[in-house]
Protein backbone atom coordinates (compact mmCIF):
# COMPACT_ATOMS: atom_id res chain seq x y z
CA GLN A 1 -7.39 20.04 -26.20
CA VAL A 2 -7.18 17.49 -23.43
CA GLN A 3 -8.41 18.57 -20.01
CA PHE A 4 -8.30 16.95 -16.60
CA VAL A 5 -10.87 17.19 -13.81
CA GLU A 6 -9.83 16.33 -10.28
CA SER A 7 -12.15 15.50 -7.40
CA GLY A 8 -12.24 13.72 -4.06
CA GLY A 9 -10.55 16.31 -1.88
CA GLY A 10 -11.76 17.42 1.51
CA LEU A 11 -10.97 17.84 5.17
CA VAL A 12 -9.46 14.80 6.88
CA GLN A 13 -7.83 14.20 10.24
CA PRO A 14 -4.16 13.26 10.52
CA GLY A 15 -3.75 9.57 9.87
CA GLY A 16 -6.80 9.47 7.64
CA SER A 17 -7.19 8.54 3.99
CA LEU A 18 -8.54 10.02 0.79
CA ARG A 19 -8.80 8.80 -2.79
CA LEU A 20 -8.52 11.34 -5.55
CA PRO A 21 -9.78 10.53 -9.06
CA CYS A 22 -8.67 12.49 -12.13
CA ALA A 23 -10.76 12.14 -15.28
CA ALA A 24 -9.49 13.13 -18.71
CA SER A 25 -11.66 14.65 -21.40
CA GLY A 26 -10.85 15.60 -24.95
CA PRO A 27 -8.19 13.95 -27.14
CA PHE A 28 -6.57 11.89 -24.40
CA SER A 29 -4.22 9.12 -25.30
CA SER A 30 -3.65 6.25 -22.93
CA ILE A 31 0.01 6.30 -23.92
CA TYR A 32 0.51 9.40 -21.86
CA THR A 33 2.41 9.20 -18.63
CA MET A 34 0.16 10.71 -15.98
CA ALA A 35 1.07 12.46 -12.79
CA TRP A 36 -0.32 14.02 -9.64
CA TYR A 37 1.06 17.30 -8.39
CA ARG A 38 0.37 19.45 -5.35
CA GLN A 39 0.84 23.05 -4.37
CA ALA A 40 0.77 24.19 -0.78
CA PRO A 41 0.19 27.84 0.15
CA GLY A 42 3.28 29.91 -0.53
CA LYS A 43 5.12 27.02 -2.16
CA GLN A 44 5.84 25.92 -5.69
CA ARG A 45 3.93 23.11 -7.33
CA GLU A 46 5.68 19.78 -6.80
CA LEU A 47 5.42 16.37 -8.39
CA VAL A 48 3.84 13.84 -6.04
CA ALA A 49 3.72 10.71 -8.19
CA ASP A 50 3.64 9.60 -11.80
CA ILE A 51 2.65 6.47 -13.69
CA THR A 52 3.41 5.26 -17.18
CA ARG A 53 0.90 3.58 -19.46
CA GLY A 54 2.43 0.25 -18.49
CA GLY A 55 2.02 0.95 -14.81
CA SER A 56 5.54 1.87 -13.74
CA THR A 57 5.37 4.36 -10.89
CA ASN A 58 7.54 6.99 -9.28
CA TYR A 59 6.94 8.84 -5.99
CA ALA A 60 8.28 11.85 -4.17
CA ASP A 61 10.25 10.80 -1.11
CA SER A 62 7.78 12.59 1.15
CA VAL A 63 4.90 10.31 0.12
CA LYS A 64 6.60 6.96 -0.48
CA GLY A 65 4.88 4.17 1.37
CA ARG A 66 1.78 6.29 2.02
CA PHE A 67 0.44 7.26 -1.42
CA THR A 68 -0.38 5.01 -4.36
CA ILE A 69 -0.98 6.16 -7.92
CA SER A 70 -2.95 3.97 -10.31
CA ARG A 71 -4.74 4.29 -13.61
CA ALA A 72 -7.68 2.84 -15.49
CA ASN A 73 -6.83 3.39 -19.14
CA ALA A 74 -10.24 2.27 -20.39
CA LYS A 75 -11.81 4.99 -18.27
CA ASN A 76 -9.17 7.66 -19.00
CA THR A 77 -8.87 8.03 -15.23
CA VAL A 78 -5.97 8.22 -12.82
CA TYR A 79 -6.25 7.82 -9.07
CA LEU A 80 -4.22 8.87 -6.06
CA GLN A 81 -4.83 6.83 -2.91
CA MET A 82 -3.51 8.76 0.07
CA ASN A 83 -3.10 7.00 3.42
CA SER A 84 -1.59 8.06 6.74
CA LEU A 85 -2.15 11.68 5.83
CA LYS A 86 -0.14 14.36 7.61
CA PRO A 87 -0.80 18.08 8.06
CA GLU A 88 2.08 18.77 5.67
CA ASP A 89 0.12 17.01 2.93
CA THR A 90 -2.32 19.92 2.94
CA ALA A 91 -2.34 21.39 -0.58
CA VAL A 92 -4.27 21.74 -3.80
CA TYR A 93 -3.81 18.52 -5.76
CA SER A 94 -3.85 18.52 -9.56
CA CYS A 95 -3.21 15.98 -12.27
CA ASN A 96 -1.66 16.37 -15.68
CA ALA A 97 0.28 14.54 -18.35
CA PRO A 98 3.97 15.45 -18.25
CA ARG A 99 6.20 15.28 -21.30
CA LEU A 100 9.77 14.08 -21.13
CA ASP A 101 10.95 17.68 -20.76
CA LYS A 102 8.62 18.01 -17.72
CA THR A 103 6.27 20.46 -19.40
CA VAL A 104 2.62 19.39 -19.23
CA ARG A 105 0.14 18.68 -21.98
CA ALA A 106 -2.95 20.40 -20.56
CA PRO A 107 -3.77 23.74 -18.96
CA TRP A 108 -3.91 23.58 -15.19
CA GLY A 109 -7.40 23.33 -13.74
CA PRO A 110 -8.51 24.37 -10.25
CA GLY A 111 -7.43 21.05 -8.71
CA THR A 112 -8.94 19.66 -5.54
CA GLN A 113 -8.19 20.94 -2.05
CA VAL A 114 -6.91 18.48 0.54
CA THR A 115 -6.75 19.73 4.11
CA VAL A 116 -5.29 17.56 6.85
CA SER A 117 -6.14 18.95 10.26
CA SER A 118 -7.55 17.89 13.58
């Protein structure tokens, strides 16, 4: 079964940047659309950004112009570049491969914590 491992989180000041990599292991296919999600305390998990195999991207309104999703198919890795971070971006960030019906292909891992605070 495919699994994803996220890393790169940490504590950053408002206005700062972080880059989150997500590495796939197991029977991963580069045809999968990949996505980053986040879940803040007391809130539901939300889609942050997704990217097709061909590189077409989609972003939540709250991160447009600040976050960039990219992928390196040869490395089975997806990245989330986060700039101009705000306190409201604080959350656990996870990646997965969504199907057309919005279910995901892999079990959720622990994700990586991003905390934006001065």
